[in-house]
Amino acid sequence: FFHLSGRTTIWSKGWEFIKLSPWIGYGFQADRLILGTHMHNSVMHALVQSGIIGTSALLSAVLYAWILLLKAIRRINDFSDRHRNLIIQSAAIMVFFSVRSITESPGAFYGIDWILLAPYLFYIHGLKQFHGTEQD
């Protein structure tokens, strides 16, 4: 239990490889090729694959999504009922993926998670674009 099904051991080994190539990482699926297993953490997965350069892009996108979402939540009463419901659902999706990224790798590579994440990010960005006068 305290080792999270072996994840903490994998993370320790991953940190050793991250230290050897911190800026550019080792490339796509490096966790499987180098460590022989899945990294099970979004940030560490991104660091192993693409280093600090690629991970900063991932973290910037997640931070940007959270900022847009929090702005929408702050002004939620300015939106129609339909958009209020979608904003609440979007918040649930963002919380789910943010928490899940601790012990899994959603969004760290092009996987099934992007089928859910991409439309969410498109919608939350669209709120800013198409409802800018309502939000700002």
N, C-alpha and C. Protein backbone atom coordinates (compact mmCIF):
# COMPACT_ATOMS: atom_id res chain seq x y z
N PHE A 1 0.83 -1.20 0.00
CA PHE A 1 0.00 0.00 0.00
C PHE A 1 0.87 1.26 0.00
N PHE A 2 1.86 1.31 0.87
CA PHE A 2 2.68 2.52 0.99
C PHE A 2 3.61 2.73 -0.20
N HIS A 3 3.78 1.71 -1.02
CA HIS A 3 4.61 1.84 -2.22
C HIS A 3 3.76 2.03 -3.47
N LEU A 4 2.44 2.22 -3.27
CA LEU A 4 1.51 2.48 -4.37
C LEU A 4 1.66 1.45 -5.48
N SER A 5 1.57 0.19 -5.13
CA SER A 5 1.68 -0.93 -6.07
C SER A 5 2.99 -0.92 -6.85
N GLY A 6 4.06 -0.52 -6.20
CA GLY A 6 5.37 -0.50 -6.84
C GLY A 6 5.70 0.80 -7.55
N ARG A 7 4.78 1.74 -7.57
CA ARG A 7 5.01 3.00 -8.30
C ARG A 7 6.17 3.80 -7.70
N THR A 8 6.29 3.83 -6.39
CA THR A 8 7.37 4.62 -5.78
C THR A 8 8.74 4.08 -6.19
N THR A 9 8.86 2.78 -6.36
CA THR A 9 10.11 2.18 -6.83
C THR A 9 10.40 2.63 -8.26
N ILE A 10 9.38 2.61 -9.10
CA ILE A 10 9.52 3.05 -10.49
C ILE A 10 9.91 4.53 -10.53
N TRP A 11 9.28 5.34 -9.69
CA TRP A 11 9.59 6.77 -9.67
C TRP A 11 11.03 7.01 -9.25
N SER A 12 11.52 6.24 -8.28
CA SER A 12 12.92 6.38 -7.85
C SER A 12 13.87 6.07 -8.99
N LYS A 13 13.62 4.99 -9.71
CA LYS A 13 14.46 4.64 -10.86
C LYS A 13 14.34 5.71 -11.95
N GLY A 14 13.14 6.22 -12.15
CA GLY A 14 12.92 7.27 -13.14
C GLY A 14 13.72 8.52 -12.84
N TRP A 15 13.78 8.92 -11.57
CA TRP A 15 14.54 10.12 -11.19
C TRP A 15 16.01 9.98 -11.55
N GLU A 16 16.54 8.76 -11.41
CA GLU A 16 17.94 8.54 -11.77
C GLU A 16 18.19 8.81 -13.25
N PHE A 17 17.26 8.38 -14.09
CA PHE A 17 17.40 8.62 -15.54
C PHE A 17 17.13 10.08 -15.89
N ILE A 18 16.21 10.71 -15.20
CA ILE A 18 15.91 12.12 -15.44
C ILE A 18 17.16 12.96 -15.17
N LYS A 19 17.89 12.64 -14.13
CA LYS A 19 19.11 13.37 -13.79
C LYS A 19 20.16 13.29 -14.89
N LEU A 20 20.17 12.20 -15.64
CA LEU A 20 21.17 12.01 -16.69
C LEU A 20 20.87 12.79 -17.97
N SER A 21 19.59 13.08 -18.21
CA SER A 21 19.20 13.86 -19.39
C SER A 21 18.02 14.76 -19.02
N PRO A 22 18.28 15.76 -18.19
CA PRO A 22 17.16 16.56 -17.66
C PRO A 22 16.49 17.47 -18.67
N TRP A 23 17.19 17.94 -19.67
CA TRP A 23 16.62 18.95 -20.57
C TRP A 23 15.81 18.37 -21.71
N ILE A 24 16.27 17.29 -22.32
CA ILE A 24 15.55 16.77 -23.49
C ILE A 24 14.99 15.36 -23.30
N GLY A 25 15.28 14.72 -22.20
CA GLY A 25 14.72 13.39 -21.95
C GLY A 25 15.27 12.35 -22.90
N TYR A 26 14.47 11.28 -23.09
CA TYR A 26 14.93 10.14 -23.87
C TYR A 26 14.03 9.78 -25.05
N GLY A 27 12.94 10.48 -25.24
CA GLY A 27 12.06 10.21 -26.37
C GLY A 27 10.81 9.42 -26.00
N PHE A 28 9.96 9.29 -27.01
CA PHE A 28 8.65 8.66 -26.83
C PHE A 28 8.79 7.22 -26.32
N GLN A 29 8.00 6.88 -25.33
CA GLN A 29 7.95 5.56 -24.69
C GLN A 29 9.27 5.17 -24.03
N ALA A 30 10.05 6.16 -23.65
CA ALA A 30 11.33 5.89 -23.01
C ALA A 30 11.16 5.15 -21.70
N ASP A 31 10.08 5.41 -20.98
CA ASP A 31 9.88 4.70 -19.72
C ASP A 31 9.81 3.20 -19.95
N ARG A 32 9.13 2.79 -20.99
CA ARG A 32 9.03 1.36 -21.29
C ARG A 32 10.33 0.80 -21.85
N LEU A 33 11.00 1.58 -22.69
CA LEU A 33 12.24 1.10 -23.32
C LEU A 33 13.41 1.08 -22.35
N ILE A 34 13.50 2.08 -21.48
CA ILE A 34 14.64 2.18 -20.57
C ILE A 34 14.36 1.45 -19.25
N LEU A 35 13.20 1.72 -18.67
CA LEU A 35 12.87 1.15 -17.37
C LEU A 35 12.13 -0.18 -17.47
N GLY A 36 11.58 -0.45 -18.64
CA GLY A 36 10.83 -1.69 -18.83
C GLY A 36 9.45 -1.68 -18.22
N THR A 37 8.95 -0.50 -17.90
CA THR A 37 7.63 -0.38 -17.29
C THR A 37 7.06 1.02 -17.55
N HIS A 38 5.81 1.18 -17.21
CA HIS A 38 5.11 2.46 -17.37
C HIS A 38 5.43 3.35 -16.17
N MET A 39 5.61 4.65 -16.39
CA MET A 39 6.03 5.56 -15.33
C MET A 39 4.95 5.83 -14.27
N HIS A 40 3.68 5.83 -14.65
CA HIS A 40 2.57 6.02 -13.71
C HIS A 40 2.61 7.36 -12.96
N ASN A 41 3.00 8.43 -13.63
CA ASN A 41 2.95 9.79 -13.08
C ASN A 41 3.16 10.72 -14.27
N SER A 42 2.23 11.64 -14.47
CA SER A 42 2.28 12.50 -15.66
C SER A 42 3.54 13.33 -15.76
N VAL A 43 3.92 13.98 -14.68
CA VAL A 43 5.08 14.86 -14.73
C VAL A 43 6.35 14.04 -14.94
N MET A 44 6.49 12.96 -14.20
CA MET A 44 7.69 12.14 -14.36
C MET A 44 7.73 11.47 -15.74
N HIS A 45 6.56 11.07 -16.22
CA HIS A 45 6.47 10.48 -17.56
C HIS A 45 6.96 11.49 -18.59
N ALA A 46 6.48 12.72 -18.49
CA ALA A 46 6.90 13.77 -19.42
C ALA A 46 8.38 14.08 -19.28
N LEU A 47 8.89 14.10 -18.05
CA LEU A 47 10.32 14.37 -17.85
C LEU A 47 11.20 13.29 -18.47
N VAL A 48 10.82 12.03 -18.31
CA VAL A 48 11.60 10.95 -18.90
C VAL A 48 11.55 11.02 -20.43
N GLN A 49 10.37 11.28 -20.97
CA GLN A 49 10.22 11.31 -22.43
C GLN A 49 10.80 12.56 -23.08
N SER A 50 10.51 13.74 -22.49
CA SER A 50 10.86 14.98 -23.19
C SER A 50 11.63 15.99 -22.35
N GLY A 51 12.05 15.60 -21.17
CA GLY A 51 12.86 16.48 -20.33
C GLY A 51 12.10 17.71 -19.85
N ILE A 52 12.85 18.64 -19.34
CA ILE A 52 12.28 19.88 -18.81
C ILE A 52 11.60 20.68 -19.92
N ILE A 53 12.17 20.65 -21.10
CA ILE A 53 11.61 21.42 -22.22
C ILE A 53 10.19 20.95 -22.54
N GLY A 54 10.01 19.67 -22.74
CA GLY A 54 8.68 19.14 -23.06
C GLY A 54 7.73 19.19 -21.88
N THR A 55 8.25 18.95 -20.68
CA THR A 55 7.40 18.97 -19.49
C THR A 55 6.87 20.37 -19.22
N SER A 56 7.67 21.38 -19.49
CA SER A 56 7.19 22.75 -19.27
C SER A 56 6.03 23.07 -20.21
N ALA A 57 6.02 22.50 -21.41
CA ALA A 57 4.87 22.70 -22.30
C ALA A 57 3.63 22.03 -21.73
N LEU A 58 3.76 20.81 -21.21
CA LEU A 58 2.64 20.10 -20.60
C LEU A 58 2.11 20.87 -19.38
N LEU A 59 3.01 21.27 -18.50
CA LEU A 59 2.58 21.98 -17.30
C LEU A 59 1.97 23.34 -17.62
N SER A 60 2.49 24.01 -18.65
CA SER A 60 1.92 25.29 -19.08
C SER A 60 0.49 25.10 -19.58
N ALA A 61 0.27 24.05 -20.34
CA ALA A 61 -1.08 23.77 -20.86
C ALA A 61 -2.05 23.47 -19.73
N VAL A 62 -1.61 22.68 -18.76
CA VAL A 62 -2.48 22.35 -17.62
C VAL A 62 -2.76 23.60 -16.79
N LEU A 63 -1.74 24.39 -16.53
CA LEU A 63 -1.93 25.63 -15.77
C LEU A 63 -2.87 26.58 -16.51
N TYR A 64 -2.69 26.71 -17.81
CA TYR A 64 -3.56 27.56 -18.63
C TYR A 64 -5.01 27.08 -18.56
N ALA A 65 -5.21 25.77 -18.64
CA ALA A 65 -6.57 25.21 -18.54
C ALA A 65 -7.18 25.52 -17.18
N TRP A 66 -6.41 25.38 -16.12
CA TRP A 66 -6.92 25.70 -14.78
C TRP A 66 -7.26 27.19 -14.65
N ILE A 67 -6.42 28.05 -15.21
CA ILE A 67 -6.69 29.49 -15.14
C ILE A 67 -7.99 29.82 -15.87
N LEU A 68 -8.15 29.28 -17.09
CA LEU A 68 -9.39 29.52 -17.84
C LEU A 68 -10.60 28.99 -17.09
N LEU A 69 -10.48 27.81 -16.53
CA LEU A 69 -11.59 27.21 -15.79
C LEU A 69 -11.95 28.05 -14.57
N LEU A 70 -10.95 28.46 -13.81
CA LEU A 70 -11.22 29.26 -12.60
C LEU A 70 -11.84 30.62 -12.96
N LYS A 71 -11.42 31.21 -14.07
CA LYS A 71 -12.05 32.46 -14.52
C LYS A 71 -13.52 32.22 -14.88
N ALA A 72 -13.78 31.11 -15.54
CA ALA A 72 -15.17 30.79 -15.91
C ALA A 72 -16.01 30.54 -14.67
N ILE A 73 -15.45 29.82 -13.69
CA ILE A 73 -16.18 29.54 -12.45
C ILE A 73 -16.46 30.83 -11.69
N ARG A 74 -15.47 31.70 -11.67
CA ARG A 74 -15.64 32.98 -10.98
C ARG A 74 -16.80 33.80 -11.55
N ARG A 75 -17.03 33.66 -12.85
CA ARG A 75 -18.09 34.41 -13.53
C ARG A 75 -19.23 33.51 -13.98
N ILE A 76 -19.43 32.40 -13.31
CA ILE A 76 -20.38 31.38 -13.78
C ILE A 76 -21.80 31.92 -13.93
N ASN A 77 -22.19 32.87 -13.12
CA ASN A 77 -23.55 33.42 -13.21
C ASN A 77 -23.78 34.27 -14.45
N ASP A 78 -22.71 34.63 -15.13
CA ASP A 78 -22.84 35.41 -16.36
C ASP A 78 -23.17 34.54 -17.57
N PHE A 79 -23.13 33.22 -17.40
CA PHE A 79 -23.36 32.29 -18.50
C PHE A 79 -24.79 31.75 -18.46
N SER A 80 -25.21 31.23 -19.59
CA SER A 80 -26.52 30.58 -19.66
C SER A 80 -26.50 29.29 -18.85
N ASP A 81 -27.69 28.75 -18.58
CA ASP A 81 -27.79 27.50 -17.82
C ASP A 81 -27.00 26.38 -18.48
N ARG A 82 -27.09 26.29 -19.79
CA ARG A 82 -26.39 25.24 -20.52
C ARG A 82 -24.88 25.34 -20.30
N HIS A 83 -24.35 26.55 -20.39
CA HIS A 83 -22.91 26.72 -20.18
C HIS A 83 -22.53 26.53 -18.72
N ARG A 84 -23.38 26.91 -17.79
CA ARG A 84 -23.09 26.65 -16.37
C ARG A 84 -22.91 25.16 -16.12
N ASN A 85 -23.81 24.36 -16.67
CA ASN A 85 -23.71 22.91 -16.51
C ASN A 85 -22.43 22.38 -17.13
N LEU A 86 -22.08 22.87 -18.31
CA LEU A 86 -20.86 22.41 -18.98
C LEU A 86 -19.60 22.86 -18.23
N ILE A 87 -19.64 24.03 -17.64
CA ILE A 87 -18.50 24.50 -16.84
C ILE A 87 -18.31 23.60 -15.63
N ILE A 88 -19.40 23.24 -14.97
CA ILE A 88 -19.32 22.34 -13.81
C ILE A 88 -18.78 20.98 -14.24
N GLN A 89 -19.26 20.48 -15.37
CA GLN A 89 -18.75 19.20 -15.88
C GLN A 89 -17.28 19.32 -16.26
N SER A 90 -16.90 20.44 -16.83
CA SER A 90 -15.50 20.67 -17.18
C SER A 90 -14.63 20.69 -15.94
N ALA A 91 -15.13 21.29 -14.87
CA ALA A 91 -14.38 21.31 -13.61
C ALA A 91 -14.18 19.89 -13.09
N ALA A 92 -15.22 19.07 -13.20
CA ALA A 92 -15.10 17.68 -12.75
C ALA A 92 -14.05 16.93 -13.57
N ILE A 93 -14.04 17.15 -14.88
CA ILE A 93 -13.04 16.50 -15.74
C ILE A 93 -11.64 16.96 -15.36
N MET A 94 -11.46 18.25 -15.13
CA MET A 94 -10.15 18.77 -14.79
C MET A 94 -9.66 18.24 -13.45
N VAL A 95 -10.54 18.19 -12.47
CA VAL A 95 -10.16 17.64 -11.16
C VAL A 95 -9.79 16.17 -11.32
N PHE A 96 -10.61 15.41 -12.07
CA PHE A 96 -10.35 14.00 -12.27
C PHE A 96 -8.96 13.78 -12.89
N PHE A 97 -8.66 14.48 -13.96
CA PHE A 97 -7.38 14.27 -14.62
C PHE A 97 -6.21 14.81 -13.79
N SER A 98 -6.43 15.87 -13.04
CA SER A 98 -5.35 16.40 -12.20
C SER A 98 -4.99 15.42 -11.09
N VAL A 99 -6.00 14.87 -10.44
CA VAL A 99 -5.75 13.90 -9.38
C VAL A 99 -5.19 12.60 -9.97
N ARG A 100 -5.76 12.17 -11.07
CA ARG A 100 -5.32 10.93 -11.72
C ARG A 100 -3.88 11.01 -12.19
N SER A 101 -3.40 12.22 -12.50
CA SER A 101 -2.05 12.36 -13.02
C SER A 101 -0.97 12.05 -11.98
N ILE A 102 -1.36 11.94 -10.71
CA ILE A 102 -0.39 11.61 -9.67
C ILE A 102 0.05 10.15 -9.79
N THR A 103 -0.89 9.25 -10.06
CA THR A 103 -0.55 7.83 -10.12
C THR A 103 -0.74 7.22 -11.51
N GLU A 104 -1.07 8.02 -12.48
CA GLU A 104 -1.19 7.58 -13.88
C GLU A 104 -0.60 8.67 -14.77
N SER A 105 -0.69 8.51 -16.08
CA SER A 105 -0.08 9.47 -16.99
C SER A 105 -1.06 10.05 -18.00
N PRO A 106 -2.21 10.57 -17.55
CA PRO A 106 -3.12 11.15 -18.54
C PRO A 106 -2.54 12.44 -19.11
N GLY A 107 -2.57 12.54 -20.41
CA GLY A 107 -2.11 13.76 -21.06
C GLY A 107 -0.61 13.85 -21.27
N ALA A 108 0.18 12.97 -20.66
CA ALA A 108 1.63 13.05 -20.80
C ALA A 108 2.11 12.51 -22.15
N PHE A 109 1.27 11.75 -22.82
CA PHE A 109 1.59 11.26 -24.15
C PHE A 109 0.27 11.09 -24.90
N TYR A 110 0.35 10.84 -26.18
CA TYR A 110 -0.88 10.76 -26.97
C TYR A 110 -1.54 9.41 -26.76
N GLY A 111 -2.43 9.37 -25.80
CA GLY A 111 -3.16 8.16 -25.47
C GLY A 111 -4.65 8.41 -25.51
N ILE A 112 -5.38 7.48 -25.01
CA ILE A 112 -6.84 7.54 -25.00
C ILE A 112 -7.35 8.74 -24.20
N ASP A 113 -6.59 9.19 -23.22
CA ASP A 113 -7.02 10.32 -22.40
C ASP A 113 -7.26 11.58 -23.21
N TRP A 114 -6.53 11.73 -24.31
CA TRP A 114 -6.70 12.92 -25.14
C TRP A 114 -8.06 12.96 -25.83
N ILE A 115 -8.71 11.81 -25.95
CA ILE A 115 -10.07 11.81 -26.52
C ILE A 115 -11.01 12.59 -25.60
N LEU A 116 -10.74 12.57 -24.32
CA LEU A 116 -11.53 13.35 -23.36
C LEU A 116 -10.93 14.73 -23.11
N LEU A 117 -9.63 14.81 -23.02
CA LEU A 117 -8.99 16.08 -22.69
C LEU A 117 -9.08 17.11 -23.81
N ALA A 118 -8.90 16.69 -25.04
CA ALA A 118 -8.89 17.64 -26.15
C ALA A 118 -10.22 18.40 -26.29
N PRO A 119 -11.38 17.72 -26.29
CA PRO A 119 -12.63 18.48 -26.37
C PRO A 119 -12.84 19.40 -25.17
N TYR A 120 -12.43 18.94 -24.00
CA TYR A 120 -12.56 19.77 -22.79
C TYR A 120 -11.73 21.04 -22.96
N LEU A 121 -10.46 20.91 -23.36
CA LEU A 121 -9.61 22.08 -23.53
C LEU A 121 -10.13 23.00 -24.62
N PHE A 122 -10.65 22.42 -25.69
CA PHE A 122 -11.24 23.22 -26.77
C PHE A 122 -12.44 24.02 -26.24
N TYR A 123 -13.30 23.38 -25.46
CA TYR A 123 -14.48 24.06 -24.92
C TYR A 123 -14.09 25.18 -23.96
N ILE A 124 -13.21 24.87 -23.01
CA ILE A 124 -12.87 25.86 -21.99
C ILE A 124 -12.13 27.05 -22.60
N HIS A 125 -11.34 26.79 -23.65
CA HIS A 125 -10.70 27.89 -24.38
C HIS A 125 -11.74 28.68 -25.16
N GLY A 126 -12.71 27.97 -25.73
CA GLY A 126 -13.78 28.63 -26.48
C GLY A 126 -14.62 29.55 -25.63
N LEU A 127 -14.78 29.21 -24.36
CA LEU A 127 -15.51 30.11 -23.46
C LEU A 127 -14.85 31.48 -23.42
N LYS A 128 -13.55 31.48 -23.37
CA LYS A 128 -12.81 32.74 -23.35
C LYS A 128 -12.95 33.46 -24.69
N GLN A 129 -12.82 32.71 -25.78
CA GLN A 129 -12.89 33.31 -27.11
C GLN A 129 -14.28 33.85 -27.45
N PHE A 130 -15.29 33.00 -27.31
CA PHE A 130 -16.62 33.34 -27.78
C PHE A 130 -17.48 34.06 -26.77
N HIS A 131 -17.08 34.00 -25.52
CA HIS A 131 -17.84 34.69 -24.48
C HIS A 131 -16.96 35.67 -23.74
N GLY A 132 -15.94 36.17 -24.44
CA GLY A 132 -15.01 37.10 -23.82
C GLY A 132 -15.68 38.31 -23.22
N THR A 133 -16.72 38.81 -23.85
CA THR A 133 -17.40 39.98 -23.32
C THR A 133 -18.18 39.62 -22.06
N GLU A 134 -18.64 38.36 -21.97
CA GLU A 134 -19.37 37.94 -20.77
C GLU A 134 -18.41 37.72 -19.61
N GLN A 135 -17.17 37.27 -19.90
CA GLN A 135 -16.24 36.91 -18.83
C GLN A 135 -15.38 38.08 -18.39
N ASP A 136 -14.95 38.93 -19.30
CA ASP A 136 -13.95 39.95 -18.96
C ASP A 136 -14.53 41.23 -18.49
